[in-house]
Amino acid sequence: MSVRFTTRARTGAVALVVAAGLALGVAGCGGGGDSKDGKPKASASASKGEDPNPSTQEGSDEILAELRGEGGLILKITSATRDAGGFVTVNGELKNDSSEPARVSLRAAGVETEILRHGPSLGGATLVDSASKKRYYVLRDTDGRPLTTTNMPRLKAGESIPVFMQFPAPPAETSEVSFQLPSFASGTIQISG
């Protein structure tokens, strides 16, 4: 009697692993090092008169939009990047700005049964392209899971977590869209790339 075990990679998990690997690869590509006298080398940007503090350079994302939600939650959108694969990845930070623990409303997952059956998520997020009068919904993997942050924990007061959402890309000429997430205020964001 033989027993065969098989595994199947989940598209969402694979996408998350690939994104994490790319982020680590980019972070590891930074130059630098010490000179022969043991002092750190000046970066090219520091020598051009820019702020040499890495926390104020590329490592820290600018905020494209700050959206207030229920229970003191704030969603800060830090990037919306168009990828060659025909989709837009929106990254951000979800923070509990209240003095009490808070959880993202179940309404943030939207109303689609296919998404709801996979648990709490940001699957109800949409991008609205007013110019071409189109709405773009969060993408799903082959099992119907939304390509977004899922199973978000209850956030303690002041706690924050990184979040992401992937959408089909609007036409190349569209650079500004409205971001909407149930239970949060909406905001306008710029798509780069």
C-alpha atoms as a PDB file:
ATOM      1  CA  MET A   1       0.000   0.000   0.000  1.00  0.00           C
ATOM      2  CA  SER A   2       1.504   3.298  -1.013  1.00  0.00           C
ATOM      3  CA  VAL A   3       0.466   6.689   0.226  1.00  0.00           C
ATOM      4  CA  ARG A   4       1.060   9.728  -1.918  1.00  0.00           C
ATOM      5  CA  PHE A   5       1.115  13.234  -0.531  1.00  0.00           C
ATOM      6  CA  THR A   6       0.794  16.203  -2.820  1.00  0.00           C
ATOM      7  CA  THR A   7       0.947  19.877  -2.158  1.00  0.00           C
ATOM      8  CA  ARG A   8      -0.303  22.729  -4.221  1.00  0.00           C
ATOM      9  CA  ALA A   9       1.097  26.237  -3.981  1.00  0.00           C
ATOM     10  CA  ARG A  10      -1.426  28.925  -3.286  1.00  0.00           C
ATOM     11  CA  THR A  11      -1.220  31.791  -5.755  1.00  0.00           C
ATOM     12  CA  GLY A  12      -1.739  34.428  -3.057  1.00  0.00           C
ATOM     13  CA  ALA A  13       0.946  32.902  -0.849  1.00  0.00           C
ATOM     14  CA  VAL A  14       3.324  32.649  -3.798  1.00  0.00           C
ATOM     15  CA  ALA A  15       2.681  36.291  -4.713  1.00  0.00           C
ATOM     16  CA  LEU A  16       3.366  37.335  -1.111  1.00  0.00           C
ATOM     17  CA  VAL A  17       6.600  35.311  -0.978  1.00  0.00           C
ATOM     18  CA  VAL A  18       7.740  36.751  -4.319  1.00  0.00           C
ATOM     19  CA  ALA A  19       6.936  40.302  -3.177  1.00  0.00           C
ATOM     20  CA  ALA A  20       8.820  39.767   0.091  1.00  0.00           C
ATOM     21  CA  GLY A  21      11.796  38.309  -1.785  1.00  0.00           C
ATOM     22  CA  LEU A  22      11.904  41.249  -4.175  1.00  0.00           C
ATOM     23  CA  ALA A  23      11.693  43.707  -1.285  1.00  0.00           C
ATOM     24  CA  LEU A  24      14.598  41.994   0.475  1.00  0.00           C
ATOM     25  CA  GLY A  25      16.584  41.907  -2.758  1.00  0.00           C
ATOM     26  CA  VAL A  26      16.086  45.625  -3.330  1.00  0.00           C
ATOM     27  CA  ALA A  27      16.958  46.395   0.296  1.00  0.00           C
ATOM     28  CA  GLY A  28      20.127  44.322  -0.039  1.00  0.00           C
ATOM     29  CA  CYS A  29      21.209  46.195  -3.168  1.00  0.00           C
ATOM     30  CA  GLY A  30      22.099  49.363  -1.288  1.00  0.00           C
ATOM     31  CA  GLY A  31      25.741  50.310  -1.634  1.00  0.00           C
ATOM     32  CA  GLY A  32      27.839  51.524   1.173  1.00  0.00           C
ATOM     33  CA  GLY A  33      30.350  49.969   3.435  1.00  0.00           C
ATOM     34  CA  ASP A  34      33.243  51.340   5.370  1.00  0.00           C
ATOM     35  CA  SER A  35      36.281  53.052   3.981  1.00  0.00           C
ATOM     36  CA  LYS A  36      39.822  51.970   4.902  1.00  0.00           C
ATOM     37  CA  ASP A  37      39.915  54.311   7.904  1.00  0.00           C
ATOM     38  CA  GLY A  38      36.837  52.626   9.425  1.00  0.00           C
ATOM     39  CA  LYS A  39      34.512  55.573   8.793  1.00  0.00           C
ATOM     40  CA  PRO A  40      31.331  55.019   6.813  1.00  0.00           C
ATOM     41  CA  LYS A  41      31.459  56.145   3.204  1.00  0.00           C
ATOM     42  CA  ALA A  42      29.236  59.056   2.272  1.00  0.00           C
ATOM     43  CA  SER A  43      26.404  58.066  -0.033  1.00  0.00           C
ATOM     44  CA  ALA A  44      25.990  59.724  -3.400  1.00  0.00           C
ATOM     45  CA  SER A  45      22.831  61.459  -2.225  1.00  0.00           C
ATOM     46  CA  ALA A  46      24.565  62.810   0.867  1.00  0.00           C
ATOM     47  CA  SER A  47      27.343  64.269  -1.251  1.00  0.00           C
ATOM     48  CA  LYS A  48      24.734  66.083  -3.373  1.00  0.00           C
ATOM     49  CA  GLY A  49      23.418  67.949  -0.345  1.00  0.00           C
ATOM     50  CA  GLU A  50      20.397  65.706   0.211  1.00  0.00           C
ATOM     51  CA  ASP A  51      19.378  64.442   3.644  1.00  0.00           C
ATOM     52  CA  PRO A  52      21.780  61.599   4.548  1.00  0.00           C
ATOM     53  CA  ASN A  53      19.340  60.201   7.126  1.00  0.00           C
ATOM     54  CA  PRO A  54      17.996  56.943   5.613  1.00  0.00           C
ATOM     55  CA  SER A  55      14.711  57.245   7.507  1.00  0.00           C
ATOM     56  CA  THR A  56      13.842  60.300   5.442  1.00  0.00           C
ATOM     57  CA  GLN A  57      14.955  58.863   2.105  1.00  0.00           C
ATOM     58  CA  GLU A  58      13.621  56.070  -0.100  1.00  0.00           C
ATOM     59  CA  GLY A  59      13.234  53.649   2.805  1.00  0.00           C
ATOM     60  CA  SER A  60      10.285  55.589   4.158  1.00  0.00           C
ATOM     61  CA  ASP A  61       7.262  55.809   1.944  1.00  0.00           C
ATOM     62  CA  GLU A  62       5.389  59.029   1.403  1.00  0.00           C
ATOM     63  CA  ILE A  63       1.709  58.992   2.217  1.00  0.00           C
ATOM     64  CA  LEU A  64      -0.543  59.151  -0.851  1.00  0.00           C
ATOM     65  CA  ALA A  65      -3.732  59.182   1.224  1.00  0.00           C
ATOM     66  CA  GLU A  66      -4.764  58.866   4.856  1.00  0.00           C
ATOM     67  CA  LEU A  67      -8.223  57.386   5.297  1.00  0.00           C
ATOM     68  CA  ARG A  68     -10.065  57.301   8.610  1.00  0.00           C
ATOM     69  CA  GLY A  69     -12.194  54.307   9.481  1.00  0.00           C
ATOM     70  CA  GLU A  70     -14.360  53.077  12.329  1.00  0.00           C
ATOM     71  CA  GLY A  71     -13.028  52.621  15.845  1.00  0.00           C
ATOM     72  CA  GLY A  72     -10.046  54.929  15.439  1.00  0.00           C
ATOM     73  CA  LEU A  73      -8.462  52.978  12.583  1.00  0.00           C
ATOM     74  CA  ILE A  74      -6.406  54.855   9.996  1.00  0.00           C
ATOM     75  CA  LEU A  75      -5.318  53.449   6.637  1.00  0.00           C
ATOM     76  CA  LYS A  76      -2.250  55.212   5.263  1.00  0.00           C
ATOM     77  CA  ILE A  77      -1.677  54.394   1.586  1.00  0.00           C
ATOM     78  CA  THR A  78       2.035  54.658   0.842  1.00  0.00           C
ATOM     79  CA  SER A  79       2.243  53.417  -2.753  1.00  0.00           C
ATOM     80  CA  ALA A  80       0.148  52.422  -5.752  1.00  0.00           C
ATOM     81  CA  THR A  81       2.435  50.853  -8.329  1.00  0.00           C
ATOM     82  CA  ARG A  82       1.581  49.666 -11.823  1.00  0.00           C
ATOM     83  CA  ASP A  83       3.324  46.354 -12.546  1.00  0.00           C
ATOM     84  CA  ALA A  84       4.271  44.876 -15.922  1.00  0.00           C
ATOM     85  CA  GLY A  85       1.905  41.958 -15.303  1.00  0.00           C
ATOM     86  CA  GLY A  86      -1.145  44.177 -15.811  1.00  0.00           C
ATOM     87  CA  PHE A  87      -2.050  44.930 -12.225  1.00  0.00           C
ATOM     88  CA  VAL A  88      -1.680  47.660  -9.601  1.00  0.00           C
ATOM     89  CA  THR A  89      -0.391  46.891  -6.114  1.00  0.00           C
ATOM     90  CA  VAL A  90      -1.517  49.262  -3.365  1.00  0.00           C
ATOM     91  CA  ASN A  91       0.582  49.158  -0.194  1.00  0.00           C
ATOM     92  CA  GLY A  92      -0.046  50.849   3.090  1.00  0.00           C
ATOM     93  CA  GLU A  93      -0.213  50.733   6.837  1.00  0.00           C
ATOM     94  CA  LEU A  94      -3.254  50.118   8.998  1.00  0.00           C
ATOM     95  CA  LYS A  95      -2.950  51.786  12.392  1.00  0.00           C
ATOM     96  CA  ASN A  96      -5.133  51.824  15.491  1.00  0.00           C
ATOM     97  CA  ASP A  97      -5.033  55.488  16.478  1.00  0.00           C
ATOM     98  CA  SER A  98      -7.400  55.034  19.441  1.00  0.00           C
ATOM     99  CA  SER A  99      -6.702  54.206  23.085  1.00  0.00           C
ATOM    100  CA  GLU A 100      -8.698  50.947  22.868  1.00  0.00           C
ATOM    101  CA  PRO A 101      -8.105  47.717  20.904  1.00  0.00           C
ATOM    102  CA  ALA A 102      -9.762  47.781  17.467  1.00  0.00           C
ATOM    103  CA  ARG A 103     -10.514  45.388  14.635  1.00  0.00           C
ATOM    104  CA  VAL A 104     -11.216  46.071  10.971  1.00  0.00           C
ATOM    105  CA  SER A 105     -14.940  45.885  10.271  1.00  0.00           C
ATOM    106  CA  LEU A 106     -16.151  42.744   8.530  1.00  0.00           C
ATOM    107  CA  ARG A 107     -17.668  45.105   5.949  1.00  0.00           C
ATOM    108  CA  ALA A 108     -14.129  45.794   4.653  1.00  0.00           C
ATOM    109  CA  ALA A 109     -14.224  42.357   3.001  1.00  0.00           C
ATOM    110  CA  GLY A 110     -17.127  43.493   0.829  1.00  0.00           C
ATOM    111  CA  VAL A 111     -20.302  41.579   0.042  1.00  0.00           C
ATOM    112  CA  GLU A 112     -19.160  39.001  -2.516  1.00  0.00           C
ATOM    113  CA  THR A 113     -19.737  35.459  -1.266  1.00  0.00           C
ATOM    114  CA  GLU A 114     -16.585  34.180  -2.961  1.00  0.00           C
ATOM    115  CA  ILE A 115     -14.418  36.579  -0.941  1.00  0.00           C
ATOM    116  CA  LEU A 116     -16.381  36.326   2.312  1.00  0.00           C
ATOM    117  CA  ARG A 117     -15.945  32.561   2.506  1.00  0.00           C
ATOM    118  CA  HIS A 118     -12.195  33.103   2.955  1.00  0.00           C
ATOM    119  CA  GLY A 119     -12.563  35.170   6.123  1.00  0.00           C
ATOM    120  CA  PRO A 120     -11.831  38.779   7.091  1.00  0.00           C
ATOM    121  CA  SER A 121      -9.872  40.771   4.519  1.00  0.00           C
ATOM    122  CA  LEU A 122      -9.642  44.059   2.651  1.00  0.00           C
ATOM    123  CA  GLY A 123     -11.358  42.338  -0.291  1.00  0.00           C
ATOM    124  CA  GLY A 124     -14.034  45.027  -0.545  1.00  0.00           C
ATOM    125  CA  ALA A 125     -11.516  47.643  -1.699  1.00  0.00           C
ATOM    126  CA  THR A 126     -11.992  49.200  -5.128  1.00  0.00           C
ATOM    127  CA  LEU A 127     -10.231  51.659  -7.405  1.00  0.00           C
ATOM    128  CA  VAL A 128     -12.524  54.009  -9.319  1.00  0.00           C
ATOM    129  CA  ASP A 129     -11.357  55.563 -12.574  1.00  0.00           C
ATOM    130  CA  SER A 130     -13.761  58.481 -13.003  1.00  0.00           C
ATOM    131  CA  ALA A 131     -12.400  59.453 -16.418  1.00  0.00           C
ATOM    132  CA  SER A 132     -13.289  56.131 -18.030  1.00  0.00           C
ATOM    133  CA  LYS A 133     -16.160  55.440 -15.601  1.00  0.00           C
ATOM    134  CA  LYS A 134     -14.776  52.080 -14.444  1.00  0.00           C
ATOM    135  CA  ARG A 135     -14.449  50.398 -11.070  1.00  0.00           C
ATOM    136  CA  TYR A 136     -11.668  47.877 -10.391  1.00  0.00           C
ATOM    137  CA  TYR A 137     -12.111  45.206  -7.714  1.00  0.00           C
ATOM    138  CA  VAL A 138      -9.431  43.333  -5.742  1.00  0.00           C
ATOM    139  CA  LEU A 139      -8.020  40.427  -7.760  1.00  0.00           C
ATOM    140  CA  ARG A 140      -8.535  36.811  -6.654  1.00  0.00           C
ATOM    141  CA  ASP A 141      -6.366  33.715  -6.921  1.00  0.00           C
ATOM    142  CA  THR A 142      -7.575  30.472  -8.528  1.00  0.00           C
ATOM    143  CA  ASP A 143      -9.253  29.409  -5.267  1.00  0.00           C
ATOM    144  CA  GLY A 144     -11.193  32.670  -4.992  1.00  0.00           C
ATOM    145  CA  ARG A 145      -9.020  34.163  -2.237  1.00  0.00           C
ATOM    146  CA  PRO A 146      -8.626  37.941  -2.509  1.00  0.00           C
ATOM    147  CA  LEU A 147      -5.111  39.142  -3.303  1.00  0.00           C
ATOM    148  CA  THR A 148      -4.987  41.376  -0.277  1.00  0.00           C
ATOM    149  CA  THR A 149      -4.094  41.258   3.388  1.00  0.00           C
ATOM    150  CA  THR A 150      -6.303  38.714   5.150  1.00  0.00           C
ATOM    151  CA  ASN A 151      -6.909  37.503   8.710  1.00  0.00           C
ATOM    152  CA  MET A 152      -5.906  40.818  10.233  1.00  0.00           C
ATOM    153  CA  PRO A 153      -5.453  40.665  13.993  1.00  0.00           C
ATOM    154  CA  ARG A 154      -7.132  42.851  16.559  1.00  0.00           C
ATOM    155  CA  LEU A 155      -4.855  45.863  16.850  1.00  0.00           C
ATOM    156  CA  LYS A 156      -3.793  47.147  20.256  1.00  0.00           C
ATOM    157  CA  ALA A 157      -3.869  50.893  20.892  1.00  0.00           C
ATOM    158  CA  GLY A 158      -1.162  52.516  18.745  1.00  0.00           C
ATOM    159  CA  GLU A 159      -0.343  49.269  16.911  1.00  0.00           C
ATOM    160  CA  SER A 160       0.009  49.146  13.131  1.00  0.00           C
ATOM    161  CA  ILE A 161       0.413  46.459  10.466  1.00  0.00           C
ATOM    162  CA  PRO A 162       1.454  46.587   6.795  1.00  0.00           C
ATOM    163  CA  VAL A 163      -1.310  45.875   4.275  1.00  0.00           C
ATOM    164  CA  PHE A 164      -1.544  45.372   0.509  1.00  0.00           C
ATOM    165  CA  MET A 165      -4.185  44.980  -2.204  1.00  0.00           C
ATOM    166  CA  GLN A 166      -3.826  44.055  -5.876  1.00  0.00           C
ATOM    167  CA  PHE A 167      -6.159  45.275  -8.628  1.00  0.00           C
ATOM    168  CA  PRO A 168      -6.360  45.002 -12.411  1.00  0.00           C
ATOM    169  CA  ALA A 169      -4.480  47.952 -13.876  1.00  0.00           C
ATOM    170  CA  PRO A 170      -6.483  50.837 -15.333  1.00  0.00           C
ATOM    171  CA  PRO A 171      -5.419  52.076 -18.802  1.00  0.00           C
ATOM    172  CA  ALA A 172      -1.852  53.408 -19.000  1.00  0.00           C
ATOM    173  CA  GLU A 173      -3.064  56.993 -19.378  1.00  0.00           C
ATOM    174  CA  THR A 174      -4.911  56.789 -16.030  1.00  0.00           C
ATOM    175  CA  SER A 175      -2.679  57.973 -13.206  1.00  0.00           C
ATOM    176  CA  GLU A 176      -5.246  59.162 -10.662  1.00  0.00           C
ATOM    177  CA  VAL A 177      -7.967  56.986  -9.124  1.00  0.00           C
ATOM    178  CA  SER A 178     -10.256  57.077  -6.126  1.00  0.00           C
ATOM    179  CA  PHE A 179      -9.528  54.397  -3.528  1.00  0.00           C
ATOM    180  CA  GLN A 180     -12.554  53.091  -1.632  1.00  0.00           C
ATOM    181  CA  LEU A 181     -12.783  50.596   1.229  1.00  0.00           C
ATOM    182  CA  PRO A 182     -16.045  49.895   3.106  1.00  0.00           C
ATOM    183  CA  SER A 183     -16.066  51.463   6.602  1.00  0.00           C
ATOM    184  CA  PHE A 184     -13.282  53.925   5.633  1.00  0.00           C
ATOM    185  CA  ALA A 185     -13.375  57.369   4.041  1.00  0.00           C
ATOM    186  CA  SER A 186     -12.421  57.380   0.348  1.00  0.00           C
ATOM    187  CA  GLY A 187      -9.431  59.201  -1.075  1.00  0.00           C
ATOM    188  CA  THR A 188      -7.669  60.022  -4.331  1.00  0.00           C
ATOM    189  CA  ILE A 189      -4.324  58.328  -5.008  1.00  0.00           C
ATOM    190  CA  GLN A 190      -1.709  58.556  -7.745  1.00  0.00           C
ATOM    191  CA  ILE A 191      -0.589  55.409  -9.585  1.00  0.00           C
ATOM    192  CA  SER A 192       3.116  55.270 -10.385  1.00  0.00           C
ATOM    193  CA  GLY A 193       5.018  53.096 -12.816  1.00  0.00           C
END
